[in-house]
Amino acid sequence: SRPFEIVPLAPERWQDVVAVFGDGRGVCGECW
């Protein structure tokens, strides 16, 4: 969909989901 580019999380996008989840603190960094 648009205006955002929205794509499936494939292995080559791993670092992108890491960036979204943040620095490892809080809910996202603990839950994954």
ModelCIF file with pLDDT and N, C-alpha, C, O atoms, coordinates in Angstrom:
data_MODEL
#
_entry.id   MODEL 
#
_entity.id                         1 
_entity.type                       polymer 
_entity.pdbx_number_of_molecules   1 
#
_entity_poly.entity_id                      1 
_entity_poly.type                           'polypeptide(L)' 
_entity_poly.nstd_linkage                   no 
_entity_poly.nstd_monomer                   no 
_entity_poly.pdbx_seq_one_letter_code       SRPFEIVPLAPERWQDVVAVFGDGRGVCGECW 
_entity_poly.pdbx_seq_one_letter_code_can   SRPFEIVPLAPERWQDVVAVFGDGRGVCGECW 
_entity_poly.pdbx_strand_id                 A 
#
loop_
_entity_poly_seq.entity_id 
_entity_poly_seq.num 
_entity_poly_seq.mon_id 
_entity_poly_seq.hetero 
1 1  SER n 
1 2  ARG n 
1 3  PRO n 
1 4  PHE n 
1 5  GLU n 
1 6  ILE n 
1 7  VAL n 
1 8  PRO n 
1 9  LEU n 
1 10 ALA n 
1 11 PRO n 
1 12 GLU n 
1 13 ARG n 
1 14 TRP n 
1 15 GLN n 
1 16 ASP n 
1 17 VAL n 
1 18 VAL n 
1 19 ALA n 
1 20 VAL n 
1 21 PHE n 
1 22 GLY n 
1 23 ASP n 
1 24 GLY n 
1 25 ARG n 
1 26 GLY n 
1 27 VAL n 
1 28 CYS n 
1 29 GLY n 
1 30 GLU n 
1 31 CYS n 
1 32 TRP n 
#
_struct_asym.id          A 
_struct_asym.entity_id   1 
#
loop_
_ma_qa_metric.id 
_ma_qa_metric.mode 
_ma_qa_metric.name 
_ma_qa_metric.software_group_id 
_ma_qa_metric.type 
1 global pLDDT . pLDDT 
2 local  pLDDT . pLDDT 
#
_ma_qa_metric_global.metric_id      1 
_ma_qa_metric_global.metric_value   85.38 
_ma_qa_metric_global.model_id       1 
_ma_qa_metric_global.ordinal_id     1 
#
loop_
_ma_qa_metric_local.label_asym_id 
_ma_qa_metric_local.label_comp_id 
_ma_qa_metric_local.label_seq_id 
_ma_qa_metric_local.metric_id 
_ma_qa_metric_local.metric_value 
_ma_qa_metric_local.model_id 
_ma_qa_metric_local.ordinal_id 
A SER 1  2 45.00 1 1  
A ARG 2  2 50.00 1 2  
A PRO 3  2 87.00 1 3  
A PHE 4  2 92.00 1 4  
A GLU 5  2 95.00 1 5  
A ILE 6  2 97.00 1 6  
A VAL 7  2 97.00 1 7  
A PRO 8  2 98.00 1 8  
A LEU 9  2 97.00 1 9  
A ALA 10 2 97.00 1 10 
A PRO 11 2 98.00 1 11 
A GLU 12 2 97.00 1 12 
A ARG 13 2 97.00 1 13 
A TRP 14 2 97.00 1 14 
A GLN 15 2 96.00 1 15 
A ASP 16 2 96.00 1 16 
A VAL 17 2 95.00 1 17 
A VAL 18 2 93.00 1 18 
A ALA 19 2 93.00 1 19 
A VAL 20 2 93.00 1 20 
A PHE 21 2 91.00 1 21 
A GLY 22 2 84.00 1 22 
A ASP 23 2 72.00 1 23 
A GLY 24 2 65.00 1 24 
A ARG 25 2 64.00 1 25 
A GLY 26 2 63.00 1 26 
A VAL 27 2 64.00 1 27 
A CYS 28 2 74.00 1 28 
A GLY 29 2 72.00 1 29 
A GLU 30 2 89.00 1 30 
A CYS 31 2 91.00 1 31 
A TRP 32 2 93.00 1 32 
#
loop_
_atom_site.group_PDB 
_atom_site.id 
_atom_site.type_symbol 
_atom_site.label_atom_id 
_atom_site.label_alt_id 
_atom_site.label_comp_id 
_atom_site.label_asym_id 
_atom_site.label_entity_id 
_atom_site.label_seq_id 
_atom_site.pdbx_PDB_ins_code 
_atom_site.Cartn_x 
_atom_site.Cartn_y 
_atom_site.Cartn_z 
_atom_site.occupancy 
_atom_site.B_iso_or_equiv 
_atom_site.pdbx_formal_charge 
_atom_site.auth_seq_id 
_atom_site.auth_comp_id 
_atom_site.auth_asym_id 
_atom_site.auth_atom_id 
_atom_site.pdbx_PDB_model_num 
ATOM 1   N N  . SER A 1 1  ? 0.823  -1.203  0.000  1.00 45.00 ? 1  SER A N  1 
ATOM 2   C CA . SER A 1 1  ? 0.000  0.000   0.000  1.00 45.00 ? 1  SER A CA 1 
ATOM 3   C C  . SER A 1 1  ? 0.862  1.262   0.000  1.00 45.00 ? 1  SER A C  1 
ATOM 4   O O  . SER A 1 1  ? 2.082  1.181   0.149  1.00 45.00 ? 1  SER A O  1 
ATOM 5   N N  . ARG A 1 2  ? 0.231  2.429   -0.167 1.00 50.00 ? 2  ARG A N  1 
ATOM 6   C CA . ARG A 1 2  ? 0.896  3.737   -0.222 1.00 50.00 ? 2  ARG A CA 1 
ATOM 7   C C  . ARG A 1 2  ? 0.209  4.675   0.755  1.00 50.00 ? 2  ARG A C  1 
ATOM 8   O O  . ARG A 1 2  ? -0.878 4.318   1.210  1.00 50.00 ? 2  ARG A O  1 
ATOM 9   N N  . PRO A 1 3  ? 0.732  5.840   1.124  1.00 87.00 ? 3  PRO A N  1 
ATOM 10  C CA . PRO A 1 3  ? 1.942  6.517   0.671  1.00 87.00 ? 3  PRO A CA 1 
ATOM 11  C C  . PRO A 1 3  ? 3.204  5.948   1.297  1.00 87.00 ? 3  PRO A C  1 
ATOM 12  O O  . PRO A 1 3  ? 4.315  6.328   0.928  1.00 87.00 ? 3  PRO A O  1 
ATOM 13  N N  . PHE A 1 4  ? 3.035  5.055   2.226  1.00 92.00 ? 4  PHE A N  1 
ATOM 14  C CA . PHE A 1 4  ? 4.186  4.362   2.784  1.00 92.00 ? 4  PHE A CA 1 
ATOM 15  C C  . PHE A 1 4  ? 4.485  3.173   1.883  1.00 92.00 ? 4  PHE A C  1 
ATOM 16  O O  . PHE A 1 4  ? 3.593  2.626   1.235  1.00 92.00 ? 4  PHE A O  1 
ATOM 17  N N  . GLU A 1 5  ? 5.728  2.790   1.854  1.00 95.00 ? 5  GLU A N  1 
ATOM 18  C CA . GLU A 1 5  ? 6.076  1.542   1.187  1.00 95.00 ? 5  GLU A CA 1 
ATOM 19  C C  . GLU A 1 5  ? 5.922  0.462   2.256  1.00 95.00 ? 5  GLU A C  1 
ATOM 20  O O  . GLU A 1 5  ? 6.551  0.535   3.312  1.00 95.00 ? 5  GLU A O  1 
ATOM 21  N N  . ILE A 1 6  ? 5.091  -0.530  1.985  1.00 97.00 ? 6  ILE A N  1 
ATOM 22  C CA . ILE A 1 6  ? 4.841  -1.581  2.968  1.00 97.00 ? 6  ILE A CA 1 
ATOM 23  C C  . ILE A 1 6  ? 5.143  -2.916  2.301  1.00 97.00 ? 6  ILE A C  1 
ATOM 24  O O  . ILE A 1 6  ? 4.526  -3.286  1.302  1.00 97.00 ? 6  ILE A O  1 
ATOM 25  N N  . VAL A 1 7  ? 6.107  -3.628  2.877  1.00 97.00 ? 7  VAL A N  1 
ATOM 26  C CA . VAL A 1 7  ? 6.601  -4.852  2.257  1.00 97.00 ? 7  VAL A CA 1 
ATOM 27  C C  . VAL A 1 7  ? 6.730  -5.967  3.297  1.00 97.00 ? 7  VAL A C  1 
ATOM 28  O O  . VAL A 1 7  ? 6.852  -5.694  4.491  1.00 97.00 ? 7  VAL A O  1 
ATOM 29  N N  . PRO A 1 8  ? 6.704  -7.217  2.844  1.00 98.00 ? 8  PRO A N  1 
ATOM 30  C CA . PRO A 1 8  ? 6.884  -8.350  3.758  1.00 98.00 ? 8  PRO A CA 1 
ATOM 31  C C  . PRO A 1 8  ? 8.270  -8.334  4.400  1.00 98.00 ? 8  PRO A C  1 
ATOM 32  O O  . PRO A 1 8  ? 9.252  -7.920  3.783  1.00 98.00 ? 8  PRO A O  1 
ATOM 33  N N  . LEU A 1 9  ? 8.329  -8.787  5.640  1.00 97.00 ? 9  LEU A N  1 
ATOM 34  C CA . LEU A 1 9  ? 9.611  -8.902  6.347  1.00 97.00 ? 9  LEU A CA 1 
ATOM 35  C C  . LEU A 1 9  ? 10.320 -10.166 5.869  1.00 97.00 ? 9  LEU A C  1 
ATOM 36  O O  . LEU A 1 9  ? 10.004 -11.276 6.297  1.00 97.00 ? 9  LEU A O  1 
ATOM 37  N N  . ALA A 1 10 ? 11.273 -9.973  4.983  1.00 97.00 ? 10 ALA A N  1 
ATOM 38  C CA . ALA A 1 10 ? 12.114 -11.059 4.488  1.00 97.00 ? 10 ALA A CA 1 
ATOM 39  C C  . ALA A 1 10 ? 13.442 -11.016 5.249  1.00 97.00 ? 10 ALA A C  1 
ATOM 40  O O  . ALA A 1 10 ? 13.773 -9.990  5.842  1.00 97.00 ? 10 ALA A O  1 
ATOM 41  N N  . PRO A 1 11 ? 14.207 -12.112 5.241  1.00 98.00 ? 11 PRO A N  1 
ATOM 42  C CA . PRO A 1 11 ? 15.470 -12.138 5.984  1.00 98.00 ? 11 PRO A CA 1 
ATOM 43  C C  . PRO A 1 11 ? 16.412 -10.971 5.675  1.00 98.00 ? 11 PRO A C  1 
ATOM 44  O O  . PRO A 1 11 ? 17.099 -10.481 6.571  1.00 98.00 ? 11 PRO A O  1 
ATOM 45  N N  . GLU A 1 12 ? 16.450 -10.530 4.439  1.00 97.00 ? 12 GLU A N  1 
ATOM 46  C CA . GLU A 1 12 ? 17.360 -9.432  4.094  1.00 97.00 ? 12 GLU A CA 1 
ATOM 47  C C  . GLU A 1 12 ? 16.915 -8.093  4.685  1.00 97.00 ? 12 GLU A C  1 
ATOM 48  O O  . GLU A 1 12 ? 17.659 -7.116  4.602  1.00 97.00 ? 12 GLU A O  1 
ATOM 49  N N  . ARG A 1 13 ? 15.735 -8.025  5.273  1.00 97.00 ? 13 ARG A N  1 
ATOM 50  C CA . ARG A 1 13 ? 15.233 -6.808  5.910  1.00 97.00 ? 13 ARG A CA 1 
ATOM 51  C C  . ARG A 1 13 ? 15.346 -6.869  7.443  1.00 97.00 ? 13 ARG A C  1 
ATOM 52  O O  . ARG A 1 13 ? 14.784 -6.021  8.137  1.00 97.00 ? 13 ARG A O  1 
ATOM 53  N N  . TRP A 1 14 ? 16.058 -7.852  7.962  1.00 97.00 ? 14 TRP A N  1 
ATOM 54  C CA . TRP A 1 14 ? 16.160 -8.035  9.403  1.00 97.00 ? 14 TRP A CA 1 
ATOM 55  C C  . TRP A 1 14 ? 16.612 -6.766  10.123 1.00 97.00 ? 14 TRP A C  1 
ATOM 56  O O  . TRP A 1 14 ? 16.010 -6.387  11.127 1.00 97.00 ? 14 TRP A O  1 
ATOM 57  N N  . GLN A 1 15 ? 17.644 -6.111  9.638  1.00 96.00 ? 15 GLN A N  1 
ATOM 58  C CA . GLN A 1 15 ? 18.150 -4.918  10.319 1.00 96.00 ? 15 GLN A CA 1 
ATOM 59  C C  . GLN A 1 15 ? 17.114 -3.795  10.327 1.00 96.00 ? 15 GLN A C  1 
ATOM 60  O O  . GLN A 1 15 ? 17.150 -2.927  11.199 1.00 96.00 ? 15 GLN A O  1 
ATOM 61  N N  . ASP A 1 16 ? 16.200 -3.805  9.373  1.00 96.00 ? 16 ASP A N  1 
ATOM 62  C CA . ASP A 1 16 ? 15.148 -2.787  9.346  1.00 96.00 ? 16 ASP A CA 1 
ATOM 63  C C  . ASP A 1 16 ? 14.153 -2.993  10.484 1.00 96.00 ? 16 ASP A C  1 
ATOM 64  O O  . ASP A 1 16 ? 13.725 -2.026  11.114 1.00 96.00 ? 16 ASP A O  1 
ATOM 65  N N  . VAL A 1 17 ? 13.783 -4.239  10.752 1.00 95.00 ? 17 VAL A N  1 
ATOM 66  C CA . VAL A 1 17 ? 12.864 -4.477  11.873 1.00 95.00 ? 17 VAL A CA 1 
ATOM 67  C C  . VAL A 1 17 ? 13.570 -4.218  13.197 1.00 95.00 ? 17 VAL A C  1 
ATOM 68  O O  . VAL A 1 17 ? 12.941 -3.766  14.154 1.00 95.00 ? 17 VAL A O  1 
ATOM 69  N N  . VAL A 1 18 ? 14.859 -4.496  13.262 1.00 93.00 ? 18 VAL A N  1 
ATOM 70  C CA . VAL A 1 18 ? 15.643 -4.168  14.462 1.00 93.00 ? 18 VAL A CA 1 
ATOM 71  C C  . VAL A 1 18 ? 15.593 -2.658  14.704 1.00 93.00 ? 18 VAL A C  1 
ATOM 72  O O  . VAL A 1 18 ? 15.440 -2.214  15.841 1.00 93.00 ? 18 VAL A O  1 
ATOM 73  N N  . ALA A 1 19 ? 15.722 -1.880  13.642 1.00 93.00 ? 19 ALA A N  1 
ATOM 74  C CA . ALA A 1 19 ? 15.666 -0.414  13.771 1.00 93.00 ? 19 ALA A CA 1 
ATOM 75  C C  . ALA A 1 19 ? 14.293 0.047   14.255 1.00 93.00 ? 19 ALA A C  1 
ATOM 76  O O  . ALA A 1 19 ? 14.203 0.973   15.061 1.00 93.00 ? 19 ALA A O  1 
ATOM 77  N N  . VAL A 1 20 ? 13.235 -0.584  13.776 1.00 93.00 ? 20 VAL A N  1 
ATOM 78  C CA . VAL A 1 20 ? 11.886 -0.214  14.209 1.00 93.00 ? 20 VAL A CA 1 
ATOM 79  C C  . VAL A 1 20 ? 11.705 -0.541  15.693 1.00 93.00 ? 20 VAL A C  1 
ATOM 80  O O  . VAL A 1 20 ? 11.144 0.263   16.438 1.00 93.00 ? 20 VAL A O  1 
ATOM 81  N N  . PHE A 1 21 ? 12.168 -1.694  16.120 1.00 91.00 ? 21 PHE A N  1 
ATOM 82  C CA . PHE A 1 21 ? 11.991 -2.116  17.510 1.00 91.00 ? 21 PHE A CA 1 
ATOM 83  C C  . PHE A 1 21 ? 12.812 -1.286  18.486 1.00 91.00 ? 21 PHE A C  1 
ATOM 84  O O  . PHE A 1 21 ? 12.455 -1.194  19.660 1.00 91.00 ? 21 PHE A O  1 
ATOM 85  N N  . GLY A 1 22 ? 13.881 -0.695  18.039 1.00 84.00 ? 22 GLY A N  1 
ATOM 86  C CA . GLY A 1 22 ? 14.640 0.187   18.904 1.00 84.00 ? 22 GLY A CA 1 
ATOM 87  C C  . GLY A 1 22 ? 15.851 -0.456  19.539 1.00 84.00 ? 22 GLY A C  1 
ATOM 88  O O  . GLY A 1 22 ? 16.365 -1.467  19.060 1.00 84.00 ? 22 GLY A O  1 
ATOM 89  N N  . ASP A 1 23 ? 16.294 0.141   20.615 1.00 72.00 ? 23 ASP A N  1 
ATOM 90  C CA . ASP A 1 23 ? 17.587 -0.171  21.210 1.00 72.00 ? 23 ASP A CA 1 
ATOM 91  C C  . ASP A 1 23 ? 17.602 -1.365  22.156 1.00 72.00 ? 23 ASP A C  1 
ATOM 92  O O  . ASP A 1 23 ? 18.592 -1.575  22.856 1.00 72.00 ? 23 ASP A O  1 
ATOM 93  N N  . GLY A 1 24 ? 16.542 -2.144  22.193 1.00 65.00 ? 24 GLY A N  1 
ATOM 94  C CA . GLY A 1 24 ? 16.534 -3.322  23.053 1.00 65.00 ? 24 GLY A CA 1 
ATOM 95  C C  . GLY A 1 24 ? 15.934 -3.103  24.419 1.00 65.00 ? 24 GLY A C  1 
ATOM 96  O O  . GLY A 1 24 ? 15.802 -4.048  25.197 1.00 65.00 ? 24 GLY A O  1 
ATOM 97  N N  . ARG A 1 25 ? 15.567 -1.869  24.726 1.00 64.00 ? 25 ARG A N  1 
ATOM 98  C CA . ARG A 1 25 ? 14.898 -1.597  26.000 1.00 64.00 ? 25 ARG A CA 1 
ATOM 99  C C  . ARG A 1 25 ? 13.397 -1.564  25.753 1.00 64.00 ? 25 ARG A C  1 
ATOM 100 O O  . ARG A 1 25 ? 12.953 -1.385  24.619 1.00 64.00 ? 25 ARG A O  1 
ATOM 101 N N  . GLY A 1 26 ? 12.638 -1.732  26.789 1.00 63.00 ? 26 GLY A N  1 
ATOM 102 C CA . GLY A 1 26 ? 11.194 -1.604  26.673 1.00 63.00 ? 26 GLY A CA 1 
ATOM 103 C C  . GLY A 1 26 ? 10.530 -2.835  26.084 1.00 63.00 ? 26 GLY A C  1 
ATOM 104 O O  . GLY A 1 26 ? 11.153 -3.879  25.896 1.00 63.00 ? 26 GLY A O  1 
ATOM 105 N N  . VAL A 1 27 ? 9.253  -2.679  25.799 1.00 64.00 ? 27 VAL A N  1 
ATOM 106 C CA . VAL A 1 27 ? 8.423  -3.803  25.364 1.00 64.00 ? 27 VAL A CA 1 
ATOM 107 C C  . VAL A 1 27 ? 8.943  -4.440  24.091 1.00 64.00 ? 27 VAL A C  1 
ATOM 108 O O  . VAL A 1 27 ? 9.111  -5.659  24.048 1.00 64.00 ? 27 VAL A O  1 
ATOM 109 N N  . CYS A 1 28 ? 9.203  -3.665  23.060 1.00 74.00 ? 28 CYS A N  1 
ATOM 110 C CA . CYS A 1 28 ? 9.625  -4.241  21.783 1.00 74.00 ? 28 CYS A CA 1 
ATOM 111 C C  . CYS A 1 28 ? 10.955 -4.965  21.902 1.00 74.00 ? 28 CYS A C  1 
ATOM 112 O O  . CYS A 1 28 ? 11.121 -6.053  21.350 1.00 74.00 ? 28 CYS A O  1 
ATOM 113 N N  . GLY A 1 29 ? 11.888 -4.382  22.604 1.00 72.00 ? 29 GLY A N  1 
ATOM 114 C CA . GLY A 1 29 ? 13.201 -4.976  22.742 1.00 72.00 ? 29 GLY A CA 1 
ATOM 115 C C  . GLY A 1 29 ? 13.220 -6.235  23.585 1.00 72.00 ? 29 GLY A C  1 
ATOM 116 O O  . GLY A 1 29 ? 14.138 -7.045  23.457 1.00 72.00 ? 29 GLY A O  1 
ATOM 117 N N  . GLU A 1 30 ? 12.249 -6.414  24.427 1.00 89.00 ? 30 GLU A N  1 
ATOM 118 C CA . GLU A 1 30 ? 12.154 -7.608  25.253 1.00 89.00 ? 30 GLU A CA 1 
ATOM 119 C C  . GLU A 1 30 ? 11.288 -8.679  24.588 1.00 89.00 ? 30 GLU A C  1 
ATOM 120 O O  . GLU A 1 30 ? 11.569 -9.871  24.712 1.00 89.00 ? 30 GLU A O  1 
ATOM 121 N N  . CYS A 1 31 ? 10.249 -8.261  23.894 1.00 91.00 ? 31 CYS A N  1 
ATOM 122 C CA . CYS A 1 31 ? 9.247  -9.176  23.357 1.00 91.00 ? 31 CYS A CA 1 
ATOM 123 C C  . CYS A 1 31 ? 9.628  -9.773  21.996 1.00 91.00 ? 31 CYS A C  1 
ATOM 124 O O  . CYS A 1 31 ? 9.544  -10.983 21.789 1.00 91.00 ? 31 CYS A O  1 
ATOM 125 N N  . TRP A 1 32 ? 10.041 -8.913  21.088 1.00 93.00 ? 32 TRP A N  1 
ATOM 126 C CA . TRP A 1 32 ? 10.370 -9.342  19.731 1.00 93.00 ? 32 TRP A CA 1 
ATOM 127 C C  . TRP A 1 32 ? 9.219  -10.118 19.082 1.00 93.00 ? 32 TRP A C  1 
ATOM 128 O O  . TRP A 1 32 ? 9.335  -10.551 17.936 1.00 93.00 ? 32 TRP A O  1 
#
